[in-house]
Amino acid sequence: MDRPSDAVPGAGSAPSAEHRPIVVVVMPAYNAAKTLERTYADIPQEIVNRIILVDDVSRDETVDIARQLGLDVIIHQQNLGYGGNQKTCYRAALEQGADVVVMLHPDYQYDATRIPELVAPIVSGEKHLMLGSRFLGDPLAGGMPRWKYVSNRFLTTVENLAFGLRLSEYHTGLRAYSRRLLETIPYQLNSNDFVFDQELIAQVVAAGMGRRIGEIAVPTRYFDEASSVGFKRSVVYGLSTLRVVTRYLLHRVGVRRSPKLTARNPEPPRSAA
């Protein structure tokens, strides 16, 4: 499959009752050969219309396995990083007419069988962003290293205070987005690194869509074959997340306006019930 262009279809809204929503799963992949097949096997095919894997110049058999499984495969010519990979994922999904886009790490850390529960609030029009949270359960029992648990709790607390939300986790590799959301926020301006996810949530809040974020519980899986960011890289990620929070706060009070946080088509205020 050719690399997708920058063109994005016109703005959309929640699917009508007569229109069966198009659900596209995207997997940003890098050296996922050991876990890809297990991840794919758990995806509920009955509600998913298309599965797209974007390979970021893997050095293993990720592409070969993806093709054997019948996935739509997009191959980067050079490594663009985790955030750069997601940008390609979302452009491709929108070009395929997706009403709902599910981002799933292909490392088998997240339970893909929960996808129906994840997308249901988006299909109903209740939510624009759904997160699969490990912290609605017991991530330590699932093998999460204690230092990751502590750092995740700290960053989540800081982000909740800054964004005015009460989420249990911001740092998950299982997410679902409405088409409306992806066509509203300028995610193309975000970092190509791991902090992409946190920049995106800041954009959602800045666009007035923070109350349309929800979450469901997903079990925690840590094992040898699963990808994992090391301590040094996690420190860099944590500092980058704090910079995202600072940028959001400065933007909100008008001290330093950021193009990254300026929505293309902001969500209108919801009328009182």
Protein backbone atom coordinates (compact mmCIF):
# COMPACT_ATOMS: atom_id res chain seq x y z
CA MET A 1 0.00 0.00 0.00
CA ASP A 2 1.30 3.44 -0.87
CA ARG A 3 2.15 5.93 1.82
CA PRO A 4 -0.99 8.03 2.50
CA SER A 5 -1.19 11.64 1.43
CA ASP A 6 -1.95 14.58 3.72
CA ALA A 7 -5.49 14.90 2.35
CA VAL A 8 -8.24 14.34 4.93
CA PRO A 9 -11.96 13.99 4.15
CA GLY A 10 -14.44 16.61 5.31
CA ALA A 11 -15.46 17.03 8.90
CA GLY A 12 -17.77 14.38 10.29
CA SER A 13 -19.96 13.80 13.32
CA ALA A 14 -21.32 10.82 15.23
CA PRO A 15 -22.65 8.14 12.84
CA SER A 16 -26.39 8.19 12.24
CA ALA A 17 -28.62 5.30 13.19
CA GLU A 18 -28.80 4.24 9.53
CA HIS A 19 -25.03 4.22 9.13
CA ARG A 20 -23.02 1.34 10.57
CA PRO A 21 -19.90 3.03 11.92
CA ILE A 22 -16.63 2.26 10.21
CA VAL A 23 -14.13 1.16 12.84
CA VAL A 24 -10.47 1.12 11.84
CA VAL A 25 -7.75 -0.28 14.09
CA VAL A 26 -4.29 1.20 13.61
CA MET A 27 -1.10 -0.29 15.01
CA PRO A 28 2.09 1.80 15.12
CA ALA A 29 4.71 -0.92 14.92
CA TYR A 30 8.42 -1.20 15.52
CA ASN A 31 10.02 -4.64 15.98
CA ALA A 32 6.70 -6.26 16.93
CA ALA A 33 7.25 -9.66 15.28
CA LYS A 34 7.15 -11.62 18.57
CA THR A 35 3.78 -10.24 19.70
CA LEU A 36 1.90 -9.11 16.58
CA GLU A 37 0.09 -12.36 15.85
CA ARG A 38 -1.21 -12.69 19.42
CA THR A 39 -2.35 -9.07 19.39
CA TYR A 40 -4.16 -9.55 16.08
CA ALA A 41 -5.88 -12.75 17.26
CA ASP A 42 -7.63 -10.84 20.07
CA ILE A 43 -9.08 -8.11 17.84
CA PRO A 44 -12.88 -8.63 17.52
CA GLN A 45 -13.22 -8.91 13.76
CA GLU A 46 -17.02 -8.61 13.86
CA ILE A 47 -16.90 -4.89 14.67
CA VAL A 48 -13.66 -3.91 12.94
CA ASN A 49 -13.74 -2.95 9.27
CA ARG A 50 -10.03 -2.58 8.63
CA ILE A 51 -6.70 -3.04 10.39
CA ILE A 52 -3.75 -0.88 9.37
CA LEU A 53 -0.19 -1.51 10.54
CA VAL A 54 2.39 1.21 10.01
CA ASP A 55 5.92 -0.14 10.23
CA ASP A 56 8.61 2.29 11.36
CA VAL A 57 11.58 0.51 9.74
CA SER A 58 11.52 -2.59 11.93
CA ARG A 59 14.61 -4.79 11.98
CA ASP A 60 12.66 -8.02 12.42
CA GLU A 61 9.87 -9.84 10.56
CA THR A 62 7.06 -7.47 11.56
CA VAL A 63 6.14 -6.60 7.94
CA ASP A 64 6.19 -10.21 6.74
CA ILE A 65 3.95 -11.36 9.58
CA ALA A 66 1.55 -8.44 9.09
CA ARG A 67 1.19 -9.31 5.40
CA GLN A 68 0.63 -12.98 6.20
CA LEU A 69 -2.18 -11.93 8.55
CA GLY A 70 -3.77 -9.89 5.75
CA LEU A 71 -3.30 -6.48 7.37
CA ASP A 72 -3.02 -3.27 5.39
CA VAL A 73 0.68 -2.48 5.70
CA ILE A 74 2.30 0.93 5.31
CA ILE A 75 6.09 1.02 5.46
CA HIS A 76 8.04 4.13 6.39
CA GLN A 77 11.15 4.71 4.34
CA GLN A 78 12.91 6.11 7.41
CA ASN A 79 12.25 5.86 11.11
CA LEU A 80 9.87 8.66 12.14
CA GLY A 81 9.45 7.74 15.81
CA TYR A 82 6.36 6.76 17.78
CA GLY A 83 4.54 10.05 17.24
CA GLY A 84 5.47 10.22 13.57
CA ASN A 85 4.14 6.69 13.17
CA GLN A 86 0.79 7.66 14.69
CA LYS A 87 0.46 10.62 12.35
CA THR A 88 0.63 8.22 9.41
CA CYS A 89 -1.81 5.87 11.17
CA TYR A 90 -4.48 8.53 11.62
CA ARG A 91 -4.14 10.01 8.13
CA ALA A 92 -4.53 6.55 6.64
CA ALA A 93 -7.54 5.67 8.80
CA LEU A 94 -9.35 8.90 7.94
CA GLU A 95 -8.67 8.35 4.25
CA GLN A 96 -10.30 4.93 4.62
CA GLY A 97 -13.46 6.63 5.89
CA ALA A 98 -13.11 5.73 9.57
CA ASP A 99 -15.80 6.95 11.96
CA VAL A 100 -13.86 5.55 14.91
CA VAL A 101 -10.10 4.99 15.02
CA VAL A 102 -8.66 2.58 17.59
CA MET A 103 -4.93 2.90 18.31
CA LEU A 104 -3.52 -0.36 19.62
CA HIS A 105 0.09 -1.10 20.49
CA PRO A 106 1.02 -4.40 18.80
CA ASP A 107 3.10 -5.51 21.81
CA TYR A 108 0.28 -7.53 23.43
CA GLN A 109 0.37 -5.46 26.61
CA TYR A 110 -3.24 -4.34 26.08
CA ASP A 111 -6.31 -6.55 25.83
CA ALA A 112 -7.75 -6.05 22.34
CA THR A 113 -10.88 -8.00 23.26
CA ARG A 114 -12.00 -4.84 25.09
CA ILE A 115 -12.30 -2.87 21.84
CA PRO A 116 -16.14 -3.15 21.67
CA GLU A 117 -16.47 -1.53 25.13
CA LEU A 118 -13.89 1.06 24.14
CA VAL A 119 -15.65 2.23 20.98
CA ALA A 120 -19.28 2.01 22.17
CA PRO A 121 -19.36 5.48 23.85
CA ILE A 122 -17.89 7.02 20.70
CA VAL A 123 -20.39 5.31 18.40
CA SER A 124 -23.23 6.56 20.61
CA GLY A 125 -21.88 10.13 20.37
CA GLU A 126 -21.29 10.36 24.13
CA LYS A 127 -17.49 10.51 23.94
CA HIS A 128 -14.82 11.62 21.47
CA LEU A 129 -11.84 9.93 23.13
CA MET A 130 -11.73 6.70 25.12
CA LEU A 131 -8.70 5.40 27.01
CA GLY A 132 -7.99 1.83 28.09
CA SER A 133 -6.75 2.33 31.65
CA ARG A 134 -4.53 -0.13 33.50
CA PHE A 135 -5.09 1.85 36.71
CA LEU A 136 -8.77 1.04 36.97
CA GLY A 137 -7.44 -2.38 37.99
CA ASP A 138 -4.21 -3.42 39.73
CA PRO A 139 -1.24 -2.78 37.41
CA LEU A 140 1.28 -3.98 39.99
CA ALA A 141 -0.41 -7.37 40.06
CA GLY A 142 -0.06 -7.45 36.28
CA GLY A 143 3.68 -7.00 36.48
CA MET A 144 4.13 -3.25 36.10
CA PRO A 145 7.50 -2.23 37.61
CA ARG A 146 7.01 -0.19 40.76
CA TRP A 147 9.06 2.75 39.44
CA LYS A 148 6.77 2.93 36.40
CA TYR A 149 3.74 2.78 38.68
CA VAL A 150 5.00 5.68 40.78
CA SER A 151 5.99 7.84 37.79
CA ASN A 152 2.66 7.16 36.06
CA ARG A 153 0.73 8.12 39.19
CA PHE A 154 2.73 11.33 39.56
CA LEU A 155 2.33 12.44 35.94
CA THR A 156 -1.37 11.54 35.91
CA THR A 157 -1.96 13.60 39.06
CA VAL A 158 -0.18 16.61 37.56
CA GLU A 159 -2.14 16.32 34.31
CA ASN A 160 -5.46 15.97 36.10
CA LEU A 161 -4.76 19.15 38.07
CA ALA A 162 -3.73 21.06 34.94
CA PHE A 163 -6.51 19.81 32.66
CA GLY A 164 -9.29 19.76 35.25
CA LEU A 165 -10.01 16.07 34.68
CA ARG A 166 -10.23 12.97 36.87
CA LEU A 167 -8.73 10.29 34.67
CA SER A 168 -7.03 7.28 36.21
CA GLU A 169 -4.35 7.09 33.48
CA TYR A 170 -3.07 9.17 30.56
CA HIS A 171 -0.24 6.88 29.46
CA THR A 172 -1.92 3.97 27.73
CA GLY A 173 -1.35 2.22 24.41
CA LEU A 174 -5.03 1.43 23.82
CA ARG A 175 -7.13 4.41 22.75
CA ALA A 176 -10.12 5.18 20.53
CA TYR A 177 -10.85 8.47 18.78
CA SER A 178 -13.86 9.83 16.97
CA ARG A 179 -13.40 11.13 13.46
CA ARG A 180 -14.64 14.49 14.68
CA LEU A 181 -11.82 14.71 17.21
CA LEU A 182 -9.05 13.84 14.75
CA GLU A 183 -10.38 16.41 12.31
CA THR A 184 -10.53 19.08 15.03
CA ILE A 185 -7.10 18.98 16.65
CA PRO A 186 -3.83 19.73 14.79
CA TYR A 187 -2.10 16.49 15.80
CA GLN A 188 0.22 16.83 12.79
CA LEU A 189 2.06 19.57 14.72
CA ASN A 190 2.86 17.25 17.61
CA SER A 191 6.18 15.67 18.51
CA ASN A 192 7.36 12.58 16.65
CA ASP A 193 8.46 11.10 19.97
CA PHE A 194 6.57 9.34 22.77
CA VAL A 195 5.15 12.58 24.20
CA PHE A 196 2.83 12.76 21.16
CA ASP A 197 0.06 11.10 23.19
CA GLN A 198 0.19 13.72 25.94
CA GLU A 199 0.28 16.59 23.46
CA LEU A 200 -2.83 15.14 21.85
CA ILE A 201 -4.75 15.05 25.13
CA ALA A 202 -3.72 18.64 25.85
CA GLN A 203 -5.09 19.57 22.42
CA VAL A 204 -8.38 17.81 23.15
CA VAL A 205 -8.79 19.74 26.40
CA ALA A 206 -7.80 23.05 24.76
CA ALA A 207 -10.43 22.43 22.07
CA GLY A 208 -13.17 22.22 24.69
CA MET A 209 -13.57 18.45 24.38
CA GLY A 210 -12.15 17.42 27.76
CA ARG A 211 -15.53 16.37 29.14
CA ARG A 212 -15.89 14.01 26.19
CA ILE A 213 -12.97 11.85 27.34
CA GLY A 214 -13.82 8.52 28.97
CA GLU A 215 -12.02 5.37 30.04
CA ILE A 216 -12.52 1.66 30.62
CA ALA A 217 -10.46 -0.83 32.58
CA VAL A 218 -7.96 -3.06 30.76
CA PRO A 219 -5.74 -5.68 32.41
CA THR A 220 -2.02 -5.06 32.73
CA ARG A 221 0.42 -7.37 30.95
CA TYR A 222 4.18 -7.20 31.36
CA PHE A 223 6.37 -9.97 29.95
CA ASP A 224 9.75 -10.41 28.30
CA GLU A 225 8.62 -10.08 24.67
CA ALA A 226 6.56 -6.92 25.21
CA SER A 227 8.12 -3.61 24.27
CA SER A 228 9.05 -1.39 27.17
CA VAL A 229 10.64 2.03 27.54
CA GLY A 230 13.69 1.94 29.80
CA PHE A 231 14.33 4.13 32.83
CA LYS A 232 16.46 6.75 31.06
CA ARG A 233 13.95 7.17 28.23
CA SER A 234 11.13 7.32 30.77
CA VAL A 235 12.83 10.24 32.54
CA VAL A 236 13.00 12.11 29.23
CA TYR A 237 9.34 11.27 28.60
CA GLY A 238 8.35 12.50 32.06
CA LEU A 239 10.13 15.82 31.61
CA SER A 240 8.57 16.21 28.16
CA THR A 241 5.12 15.57 29.66
CA LEU A 242 5.70 18.31 32.25
CA ARG A 243 6.65 20.69 29.40
CA VAL A 244 3.36 19.82 27.68
CA VAL A 245 1.47 20.70 30.86
CA THR A 246 3.38 23.98 31.19
CA ARG A 247 2.70 24.89 27.56
CA TYR A 248 -1.01 24.16 28.06
CA LEU A 249 -1.23 26.34 31.19
CA LEU A 250 0.57 29.26 29.52
CA HIS A 251 -1.75 28.92 26.52
CA ARG A 252 -4.86 28.79 28.70
CA VAL A 253 -4.05 31.99 30.57
CA GLY A 254 -2.98 33.76 27.38
CA VAL A 255 0.67 34.28 28.31
CA ARG A 256 2.00 32.29 25.38
CA ARG A 257 -0.46 31.07 22.77
CA SER A 258 0.55 27.85 21.05
CA PRO A 259 -0.42 26.83 17.48
CA LYS A 260 -0.39 23.23 18.71
CA LEU A 261 -3.25 24.03 21.06
CA THR A 262 -5.38 25.99 18.60
CA ALA A 263 -8.16 23.75 17.31
CA ARG A 264 -9.12 23.87 13.65
CA ASN A 265 -12.81 23.55 14.49
CA PRO A 266 -13.40 23.88 18.25
CA GLU A 267 -16.12 21.97 20.02
CA PRO A 268 -19.04 24.29 20.85
CA PRO A 269 -20.02 24.48 24.53
CA ARG A 270 -22.54 21.82 25.54
CA SER A 271 -25.89 23.23 26.60
CA ALA A 272 -27.00 22.63 30.18
CA ALA A 273 -29.34 19.72 30.67
